[in-house]
Amino acid sequence: MAAGPNSVDSSYQASPIAFSIVGNAQPQFLTKQNSKRNALSIVFITQIILFLILILLIIVKIIIFISQIILFFLLILLIIVVIIIFITQIILFLILIHLIIIKIIIFVKQITLILTLILLIIIKK
């Protein structure tokens, strides 16, 4: 064989010692691969847990949003009830004023009747 920079020398073939080193290194490689698998499975499990937490947070957010809508409608209903109560108070106040005016008119009529009776008594004498 010609010895040159591109030629392969037969003395560089794998020896039994090199094979045994590679053979001994193989279980270590499998251990590293198992640790990588364990790490990947832990990462995958944490991603699943985080995804479930995200879904739970989305559900809670939806429930909060729906409750806010319900509270908004309850607030509108409360405002309507307060307006109705205010209007009824105004109506009741007007009725009260009307009754007071009627009482005053009745009182004035009574006074006029009493005065007319007094005048009639005076005229009769």
Foldseek 3Di string as FASTA:
>chain_A
DDDDPPDDDPVPDDDVVNVVVVVVCVVVVVVVVVVVVVVVVVVVVVVVVVVVVVVVVVVVVVVVVVVVVVVVVVVVVVVVVVVVVVVVVVVVVVVVVVVVVVVVVVVVVVVVVVVVVVVVVVVVD
